[in-house]
Amino acid sequence: MAIILRLDRVMADRKISLKDLSEQVEISNVNLSKIKTGKVSAIRFSTLDAICRVLDCQPGDILEYQHDQEQE
């Protein structure tokens, strides 16, 4: 997939744990962990909005596009 999730990097920069972020965003540890490790195929805008609000960041800080040459 050409979209890379960088949530782990932003969390490390903000020094926030998975547990603390999941409590503030109000989603389960399991679901947030899947987002953090990139093991999801979709993310709700409301979830992305809450994550960005808590981490004081932009969606582009969490999502990165990498050109996927396999699709060509």
N, C-alpha and C. Protein backbone atom coordinates (compact mmCIF):
# COMPACT_ATOMS: atom_id res chain seq x y z
N MET A 1 0.84 -1.18 0.00
CA MET A 1 0.00 0.00 0.00
C MET A 1 0.88 1.24 0.00
N ALA A 2 0.45 2.27 -0.65
CA ALA A 2 1.24 3.48 -0.81
C ALA A 2 1.08 4.47 0.34
N ILE A 3 0.12 4.26 1.23
CA ILE A 3 -0.06 5.15 2.38
C ILE A 3 0.61 4.52 3.60
N ILE A 4 1.52 5.27 4.21
CA ILE A 4 2.26 4.82 5.37
C ILE A 4 1.79 5.60 6.59
N LEU A 5 1.50 4.89 7.68
CA LEU A 5 1.08 5.54 8.92
C LEU A 5 2.31 5.80 9.79
N ARG A 6 2.45 7.02 10.25
CA ARG A 6 3.59 7.44 11.06
C ARG A 6 3.17 7.82 12.48
N LEU A 7 2.09 7.23 12.96
CA LEU A 7 1.59 7.56 14.29
C LEU A 7 2.62 7.27 15.36
N ASP A 8 3.36 6.18 15.21
CA ASP A 8 4.37 5.83 16.22
C ASP A 8 5.42 6.93 16.35
N ARG A 9 5.82 7.51 15.24
CA ARG A 9 6.81 8.59 15.26
C ARG A 9 6.28 9.84 15.98
N VAL A 10 5.03 10.21 15.66
CA VAL A 10 4.43 11.40 16.29
C VAL A 10 4.23 11.16 17.78
N MET A 11 3.81 9.95 18.15
CA MET A 11 3.64 9.64 19.57
C MET A 11 4.97 9.72 20.31
N ALA A 12 6.03 9.23 19.71
CA ALA A 12 7.35 9.29 20.33
C ALA A 12 7.80 10.74 20.50
N ASP A 13 7.56 11.56 19.47
CA ASP A 13 7.92 12.98 19.55
C ASP A 13 7.17 13.68 20.67
N ARG A 14 5.91 13.29 20.88
CA ARG A 14 5.07 13.94 21.91
C ARG A 14 5.20 13.25 23.27
N LYS A 15 5.95 12.15 23.29
CA LYS A 15 6.16 11.38 24.53
C LYS A 15 4.84 10.98 25.18
N ILE A 16 3.97 10.38 24.37
CA ILE A 16 2.68 9.91 24.87
C ILE A 16 2.58 8.41 24.63
N SER A 17 2.05 7.72 25.61
CA SER A 17 1.92 6.26 25.51
C SER A 17 0.65 5.89 24.75
N LEU A 18 0.63 4.66 24.30
CA LEU A 18 -0.54 4.13 23.62
C LEU A 18 -1.76 4.18 24.54
N LYS A 19 -1.56 3.83 25.79
CA LYS A 19 -2.65 3.83 26.77
C LYS A 19 -3.21 5.24 26.95
N ASP A 20 -2.33 6.22 27.14
CA ASP A 20 -2.78 7.60 27.35
C ASP A 20 -3.51 8.14 26.12
N LEU A 21 -2.95 7.87 24.94
CA LEU A 21 -3.59 8.36 23.72
C LEU A 21 -4.94 7.69 23.50
N SER A 22 -5.03 6.40 23.73
CA SER A 22 -6.30 5.70 23.52
C SER A 22 -7.38 6.23 24.46
N GLU A 23 -6.99 6.55 25.70
CA GLU A 23 -7.96 7.11 26.64
C GLU A 23 -8.44 8.49 26.20
N GLN A 24 -7.52 9.32 25.72
CA GLN A 24 -7.89 10.68 25.32
C GLN A 24 -8.67 10.71 24.01
N VAL A 25 -8.36 9.78 23.10
CA VAL A 25 -9.05 9.71 21.82
C VAL A 25 -10.36 8.93 21.96
N GLU A 26 -10.44 8.15 23.02
CA GLU A 26 -11.62 7.33 23.32
C GLU A 26 -11.84 6.22 22.30
N ILE A 27 -10.74 5.52 21.97
CA ILE A 27 -10.83 4.28 21.20
C ILE A 27 -10.00 3.23 21.94
N SER A 28 -10.25 1.98 21.64
CA SER A 28 -9.60 0.91 22.37
C SER A 28 -8.10 0.86 22.07
N ASN A 29 -7.34 0.32 23.03
CA ASN A 29 -5.90 0.11 22.84
C ASN A 29 -5.64 -0.73 21.60
N VAL A 30 -6.46 -1.76 21.40
CA VAL A 30 -6.28 -2.68 20.27
C VAL A 30 -6.43 -1.94 18.95
N ASN A 31 -7.47 -1.15 18.81
CA ASN A 31 -7.69 -0.42 17.55
C ASN A 31 -6.60 0.63 17.33
N LEU A 32 -6.21 1.33 18.38
CA LEU A 32 -5.15 2.32 18.23
C LEU A 32 -3.82 1.66 17.91
N SER A 33 -3.57 0.50 18.48
CA SER A 33 -2.35 -0.23 18.19
C SER A 33 -2.30 -0.64 16.72
N LYS A 34 -3.44 -1.04 16.17
CA LYS A 34 -3.49 -1.40 14.74
C LYS A 34 -3.19 -0.20 13.86
N ILE A 35 -3.68 0.96 14.25
CA ILE A 35 -3.38 2.18 13.51
C ILE A 35 -1.89 2.50 13.63
N LYS A 36 -1.37 2.38 14.84
CA LYS A 36 0.04 2.69 15.09
C LYS A 36 0.97 1.80 14.29
N THR A 37 0.64 0.54 14.15
CA THR A 37 1.51 -0.40 13.44
C THR A 37 1.18 -0.48 11.95
N GLY A 38 0.16 0.25 11.50
CA GLY A 38 -0.17 0.27 10.08
C GLY A 38 -0.94 -0.95 9.62
N LYS A 39 -1.56 -1.67 10.54
CA LYS A 39 -2.29 -2.89 10.20
C LYS A 39 -3.78 -2.63 9.98
N VAL A 40 -4.07 -1.48 9.40
CA VAL A 40 -5.46 -1.13 9.07
C VAL A 40 -5.52 -0.77 7.60
N SER A 41 -6.69 -0.93 7.02
CA SER A 41 -6.87 -0.54 5.62
C SER A 41 -7.66 0.75 5.50
N ALA A 42 -8.20 1.24 6.63
CA ALA A 42 -8.97 2.48 6.61
C ALA A 42 -8.93 3.10 8.00
N ILE A 43 -9.16 4.40 8.04
CA ILE A 43 -9.27 5.12 9.32
C ILE A 43 -10.36 6.16 9.16
N ARG A 44 -11.23 6.22 10.14
CA ARG A 44 -12.33 7.19 10.10
C ARG A 44 -11.78 8.60 10.27
N PHE A 45 -12.40 9.55 9.58
CA PHE A 45 -11.99 10.94 9.74
C PHE A 45 -12.19 11.40 11.17
N SER A 46 -13.23 10.92 11.83
CA SER A 46 -13.46 11.33 13.22
C SER A 46 -12.34 10.83 14.13
N THR A 47 -11.81 9.64 13.84
CA THR A 47 -10.68 9.12 14.61
C THR A 47 -9.42 9.92 14.31
N LEU A 48 -9.17 10.20 13.05
CA LEU A 48 -8.02 11.00 12.67
C LEU A 48 -8.11 12.39 13.28
N ASP A 49 -9.29 12.97 13.28
CA ASP A 49 -9.52 14.28 13.87
C ASP A 49 -9.17 14.26 15.36
N ALA A 50 -9.64 13.25 16.07
CA ALA A 50 -9.38 13.15 17.51
C ALA A 50 -7.89 12.95 17.79
N ILE A 51 -7.23 12.12 17.00
CA ILE A 51 -5.80 11.89 17.18
C ILE A 51 -5.03 13.20 16.96
N CYS A 52 -5.36 13.92 15.90
CA CYS A 52 -4.68 15.18 15.60
C CYS A 52 -4.94 16.23 16.68
N ARG A 53 -6.15 16.23 17.22
CA ARG A 53 -6.48 17.18 18.29
C ARG A 53 -5.65 16.90 19.52
N VAL A 54 -5.57 15.63 19.93
CA VAL A 54 -4.83 15.26 21.13
C VAL A 54 -3.33 15.46 20.96
N LEU A 55 -2.81 15.10 19.78
CA LEU A 55 -1.37 15.20 19.54
C LEU A 55 -0.94 16.57 19.03
N ASP A 56 -1.92 17.46 18.78
CA ASP A 56 -1.65 18.79 18.26
C ASP A 56 -0.78 18.70 17.00
N CYS A 57 -1.30 17.98 16.01
CA CYS A 57 -0.57 17.78 14.77
C CYS A 57 -1.53 17.86 13.58
N GLN A 58 -0.97 17.77 12.40
CA GLN A 58 -1.74 17.76 11.16
C GLN A 58 -1.86 16.32 10.65
N PRO A 59 -2.90 16.00 9.88
CA PRO A 59 -3.01 14.65 9.32
C PRO A 59 -1.76 14.24 8.53
N GLY A 60 -1.13 15.19 7.87
CA GLY A 60 0.08 14.91 7.12
C GLY A 60 1.26 14.50 7.98
N ASP A 61 1.20 14.79 9.28
CA ASP A 61 2.24 14.34 10.20
C ASP A 61 2.10 12.84 10.47
N ILE A 62 0.89 12.32 10.30
CA ILE A 62 0.60 10.92 10.60
C ILE A 62 0.56 10.07 9.34
N LEU A 63 0.06 10.64 8.25
CA LEU A 63 -0.08 9.91 6.99
C LEU A 63 0.99 10.36 6.01
N GLU A 64 1.59 9.39 5.34
CA GLU A 64 2.61 9.69 4.33
C GLU A 64 2.33 8.87 3.08
N TYR A 65 2.46 9.50 1.94
CA TYR A 65 2.27 8.81 0.66
C TYR A 65 3.63 8.43 0.11
N GLN A 66 3.78 7.16 -0.26
CA GLN A 66 4.98 6.70 -0.95
C GLN A 66 4.55 6.06 -2.25
N HIS A 67 5.13 6.52 -3.33
CA HIS A 67 4.80 5.99 -4.64
C HIS A 67 5.05 4.49 -4.67
N ASP A 68 4.04 3.73 -5.06
CA ASP A 68 4.10 2.28 -5.07
C ASP A 68 4.36 1.81 -6.50
N GLN A 69 5.59 1.40 -6.77
CA GLN A 69 5.97 1.00 -8.12
C GLN A 69 5.38 -0.35 -8.52
N GLU A 70 4.95 -1.14 -7.55
CA GLU A 70 4.37 -2.45 -7.86
C GLU A 70 3.05 -2.33 -8.60
N GLN A 71 2.34 -1.23 -8.41
CA GLN A 71 1.04 -1.03 -9.05
C GLN A 71 1.15 -0.63 -10.51
N GLU A 72 2.34 -0.28 -10.97
CA GLU A 72 2.50 0.18 -12.34
C GLU A 72 2.67 -0.95 -13.31
